[in-house]
Structures are given as C-alpha cells and as structure tokens.
Amino acid sequence: MMLVAILITPFKTFMKSQFVDLLTCFQRIFPGYYLINVTAKILQNTSFSLDLIWFVITMMLTSVPFILTVWIKLIKKV
C-alpha cells in the first residue's frame, strides 16, 4: 500500500528538491500522478483536459504488461 501511495501523491506539490524532481519523473509513468492533478484542477475550476489525456495514455501503457501476462497465461493453459 505504501508503494501505491508513493506513486499516486505528487511530491512536487509540497516539496522542492532535486530528489523530488527525480521522483516526479518516475511518478509521471503511472496514471495516479495525473489523476491527482485532474482532481485538483476540477476543484479549482481550471482546464484539466491535458492531464486527462495523459491519464488515459499512462493507464493504457501501464495496463499493457498486465494484459500481455494474462493473455500469455491463457494461451499456455489451452
């Protein structure tokens, strides 16, 4: 659970350092980073379309390894 929380909460919102910039680059790979940004922008009544697009893209890209793994296991089962 802690790993999931680390990947979802963007550290750049409450800290500034080189290490946080490195973590932010890593967090941008996962959809949770963009989901938090979308939620914040909805609450602030600002445009969230770009973050929503990135959310969908990262959701699809991070789902591919899982889908391939399940697909390969189903093929080997048959």
N, C-alpha and C. Protein backbone atom coordinates (compact mmCIF):
# COMPACT_ATOMS: atom_id res chain seq x y z
N MET A 1 0.81 -1.19 0.00
CA MET A 1 0.00 0.00 0.00
C MET A 1 0.86 1.26 0.00
N MET A 2 1.97 1.21 0.71
CA MET A 2 2.84 2.39 0.76
C MET A 2 3.40 2.71 -0.61
N LEU A 3 3.74 1.69 -1.38
CA LEU A 3 4.26 1.90 -2.72
C LEU A 3 3.22 2.58 -3.60
N VAL A 4 1.98 2.16 -3.49
CA VAL A 4 0.90 2.78 -4.26
C VAL A 4 0.73 4.23 -3.85
N ALA A 5 0.78 4.50 -2.56
CA ALA A 5 0.64 5.88 -2.09
C ALA A 5 1.78 6.76 -2.58
N ILE A 6 2.97 6.21 -2.64
CA ILE A 6 4.12 6.98 -3.13
C ILE A 6 3.95 7.31 -4.61
N LEU A 7 3.38 6.38 -5.37
CA LEU A 7 3.22 6.60 -6.80
C LEU A 7 2.06 7.54 -7.11
N ILE A 8 1.09 7.64 -6.23
CA ILE A 8 -0.08 8.46 -6.51
C ILE A 8 0.13 9.91 -6.11
N THR A 9 0.64 10.16 -4.93
CA THR A 9 0.77 11.52 -4.42
C THR A 9 1.95 12.22 -5.06
N PRO A 10 1.72 13.28 -5.85
CA PRO A 10 2.85 14.01 -6.45
C PRO A 10 3.61 14.80 -5.38
N PHE A 11 4.86 14.45 -5.17
CA PHE A 11 5.66 15.12 -4.15
C PHE A 11 5.93 16.58 -4.49
N LYS A 12 5.87 16.93 -5.76
CA LYS A 12 6.18 18.31 -6.15
C LYS A 12 5.16 19.31 -5.61
N THR A 13 4.02 18.82 -5.14
CA THR A 13 3.00 19.73 -4.61
C THR A 13 3.36 20.26 -3.23
N PHE A 14 4.24 19.55 -2.48
CA PHE A 14 4.56 20.04 -1.14
C PHE A 14 6.05 20.05 -0.81
N MET A 15 6.93 19.75 -1.77
CA MET A 15 8.37 19.81 -1.55
C MET A 15 9.08 20.22 -2.84
N LYS A 16 10.26 20.79 -2.67
CA LYS A 16 11.10 21.15 -3.81
C LYS A 16 12.53 20.71 -3.53
N SER A 17 13.08 19.87 -4.41
CA SER A 17 14.49 19.49 -4.36
C SER A 17 14.80 18.67 -5.61
N GLN A 18 16.08 18.37 -5.81
CA GLN A 18 16.46 17.57 -6.96
C GLN A 18 15.91 16.15 -6.86
N PHE A 19 15.91 15.61 -5.64
CA PHE A 19 15.38 14.27 -5.44
C PHE A 19 13.90 14.21 -5.76
N VAL A 20 13.16 15.25 -5.38
CA VAL A 20 11.73 15.31 -5.67
C VAL A 20 11.51 15.42 -7.17
N ASP A 21 12.37 16.16 -7.88
CA ASP A 21 12.27 16.24 -9.33
C ASP A 21 12.48 14.87 -9.97
N LEU A 22 13.41 14.11 -9.42
CA LEU A 22 13.66 12.75 -9.91
C LEU A 22 12.46 11.84 -9.64
N LEU A 23 11.90 11.94 -8.44
CA LEU A 23 10.70 11.17 -8.11
C LEU A 23 9.53 11.55 -9.00
N THR A 24 9.40 12.82 -9.30
CA THR A 24 8.31 13.29 -10.16
C THR A 24 8.42 12.67 -11.55
N CYS A 25 9.63 12.60 -12.08
CA CYS A 25 9.82 11.95 -13.39
C CYS A 25 9.36 10.49 -13.33
N PHE A 26 9.68 9.80 -12.24
CA PHE A 26 9.26 8.41 -12.07
C PHE A 26 7.74 8.31 -11.91
N GLN A 27 7.15 9.25 -11.15
CA GLN A 27 5.72 9.22 -10.91
C GLN A 27 4.91 9.47 -12.17
N ARG A 28 5.45 10.21 -13.10
CA ARG A 28 4.72 10.53 -14.33
C ARG A 28 4.48 9.31 -15.21
N ILE A 29 5.13 8.21 -14.93
CA ILE A 29 4.92 6.98 -15.68
C ILE A 29 3.56 6.36 -15.32
N PHE A 30 3.08 6.64 -14.12
CA PHE A 30 1.88 5.99 -13.60
C PHE A 30 0.67 6.92 -13.63
N PRO A 31 -0.52 6.38 -13.85
CA PRO A 31 -1.72 7.20 -14.01
C PRO A 31 -2.17 7.94 -12.75
N GLY A 32 -1.80 7.46 -11.59
CA GLY A 32 -2.21 8.13 -10.36
C GLY A 32 -1.73 9.56 -10.25
N TYR A 33 -0.56 9.82 -10.80
CA TYR A 33 0.00 11.18 -10.80
C TYR A 33 -0.95 12.14 -11.51
N TYR A 34 -1.45 11.72 -12.65
CA TYR A 34 -2.34 12.59 -13.43
C TYR A 34 -3.74 12.63 -12.84
N LEU A 35 -4.16 11.56 -12.19
CA LEU A 35 -5.48 11.54 -11.56
C LEU A 35 -5.57 12.58 -10.44
N ILE A 36 -4.52 12.71 -9.66
CA ILE A 36 -4.49 13.73 -8.60
C ILE A 36 -4.53 15.12 -9.22
N ASN A 37 -3.79 15.32 -10.32
CA ASN A 37 -3.80 16.63 -10.99
C ASN A 37 -5.17 16.95 -11.58
N VAL A 38 -5.82 15.96 -12.17
CA VAL A 38 -7.16 16.16 -12.72
C VAL A 38 -8.12 16.56 -11.61
N THR A 39 -8.07 15.84 -10.50
CA THR A 39 -8.95 16.14 -9.37
C THR A 39 -8.72 17.55 -8.84
N ALA A 40 -7.46 17.93 -8.69
CA ALA A 40 -7.14 19.26 -8.19
C ALA A 40 -7.64 20.34 -9.15
N LYS A 41 -7.47 20.12 -10.43
CA LYS A 41 -7.90 21.12 -11.41
C LYS A 41 -9.42 21.21 -11.51
N ILE A 42 -10.10 20.10 -11.31
CA ILE A 42 -11.57 20.16 -11.28
C ILE A 42 -12.03 20.99 -10.09
N LEU A 43 -11.41 20.78 -8.95
CA LEU A 43 -11.77 21.54 -7.75
C LEU A 43 -11.45 23.03 -7.90
N GLN A 44 -10.43 23.35 -8.68
CA GLN A 44 -10.04 24.75 -8.90
C GLN A 44 -10.75 25.37 -10.09
N ASN A 45 -11.60 24.62 -10.77
CA ASN A 45 -12.30 25.08 -11.98
C ASN A 45 -11.35 25.57 -13.06
N THR A 46 -10.27 24.82 -13.28
CA THR A 46 -9.35 25.13 -14.37
C THR A 46 -9.37 23.98 -15.38
N SER A 47 -8.76 24.21 -16.52
CA SER A 47 -8.77 23.21 -17.59
C SER A 47 -7.95 21.99 -17.18
N PHE A 48 -8.54 20.82 -17.33
CA PHE A 48 -7.85 19.58 -16.96
C PHE A 48 -7.73 18.61 -18.14
N SER A 49 -8.01 19.08 -19.35
CA SER A 49 -8.05 18.17 -20.49
C SER A 49 -6.68 17.53 -20.79
N LEU A 50 -5.60 18.29 -20.68
CA LEU A 50 -4.28 17.72 -20.97
C LEU A 50 -3.91 16.65 -19.94
N ASP A 51 -4.19 16.90 -18.68
CA ASP A 51 -3.92 15.90 -17.65
C ASP A 51 -4.80 14.67 -17.84
N LEU A 52 -6.02 14.87 -18.29
CA LEU A 52 -6.92 13.74 -18.54
C LEU A 52 -6.40 12.88 -19.70
N ILE A 53 -5.89 13.53 -20.73
CA ILE A 53 -5.31 12.80 -21.86
C ILE A 53 -4.11 11.98 -21.40
N TRP A 54 -3.22 12.59 -20.61
CA TRP A 54 -2.06 11.88 -20.09
C TRP A 54 -2.47 10.74 -19.17
N PHE A 55 -3.55 10.94 -18.40
CA PHE A 55 -4.06 9.87 -17.54
C PHE A 55 -4.47 8.66 -18.38
N VAL A 56 -5.21 8.90 -19.44
CA VAL A 56 -5.67 7.81 -20.31
C VAL A 56 -4.48 7.11 -20.97
N ILE A 57 -3.53 7.90 -21.46
CA ILE A 57 -2.35 7.32 -22.12
C ILE A 57 -1.55 6.45 -21.15
N THR A 58 -1.27 6.97 -19.95
CA THR A 58 -0.49 6.18 -19.00
C THR A 58 -1.27 4.98 -18.49
N MET A 59 -2.59 5.12 -18.39
CA MET A 59 -3.41 3.98 -17.98
C MET A 59 -3.29 2.85 -19.01
N MET A 60 -3.35 3.21 -20.28
CA MET A 60 -3.24 2.19 -21.33
C MET A 60 -1.83 1.57 -21.34
N LEU A 61 -0.80 2.42 -21.23
CA LEU A 61 0.57 1.91 -21.30
C LEU A 61 0.93 1.04 -20.10
N THR A 62 0.45 1.39 -18.93
CA THR A 62 0.77 0.56 -17.77
C THR A 62 -0.10 -0.69 -17.71
N SER A 63 -1.18 -0.71 -18.45
CA SER A 63 -2.05 -1.90 -18.49
C SER A 63 -1.52 -2.95 -19.45
N VAL A 64 -0.74 -2.55 -20.43
CA VAL A 64 -0.26 -3.48 -21.46
C VAL A 64 0.51 -4.67 -20.87
N PRO A 65 1.49 -4.47 -19.98
CA PRO A 65 2.20 -5.64 -19.44
C PRO A 65 1.28 -6.61 -18.70
N PHE A 66 0.33 -6.08 -17.94
CA PHE A 66 -0.62 -6.93 -17.23
C PHE A 66 -1.49 -7.72 -18.21
N ILE A 67 -1.99 -7.05 -19.23
CA ILE A 67 -2.83 -7.72 -20.22
C ILE A 67 -2.04 -8.79 -20.97
N LEU A 68 -0.80 -8.49 -21.33
CA LEU A 68 0.04 -9.48 -22.02
C LEU A 68 0.31 -10.69 -21.14
N THR A 69 0.56 -10.44 -19.86
CA THR A 69 0.82 -11.55 -18.94
C THR A 69 -0.40 -12.46 -18.84
N VAL A 70 -1.57 -11.88 -18.68
CA VAL A 70 -2.79 -12.67 -18.58
C VAL A 70 -3.04 -13.42 -19.89
N TRP A 71 -2.82 -12.75 -21.00
CA TRP A 71 -3.04 -13.36 -22.32
C TRP A 71 -2.11 -14.56 -22.53
N ILE A 72 -0.84 -14.40 -22.18
CA ILE A 72 0.14 -15.49 -22.34
C ILE A 72 -0.24 -16.66 -21.45
N LYS A 73 -0.66 -16.38 -20.21
CA LYS A 73 -1.05 -17.48 -19.32
C LYS A 73 -2.27 -18.21 -19.84
N LEU A 74 -3.21 -17.50 -20.46
CA LEU A 74 -4.40 -18.14 -21.01
C LEU A 74 -4.05 -18.99 -22.22
N ILE A 75 -3.11 -18.52 -23.04
CA ILE A 75 -2.68 -19.31 -24.21
C ILE A 75 -1.96 -20.58 -23.75
N LYS A 76 -1.11 -20.48 -22.76
CA LYS A 76 -0.40 -21.66 -22.27
C LYS A 76 -1.35 -22.64 -21.60
N LYS A 77 -2.43 -22.15 -21.07
CA LYS A 77 -3.41 -23.00 -20.41
C LYS A 77 -4.18 -23.84 -21.41
N VAL A 78 -4.38 -23.30 -22.60
CA VAL A 78 -5.17 -24.00 -23.63
C VAL A 78 -4.38 -25.08 -24.27
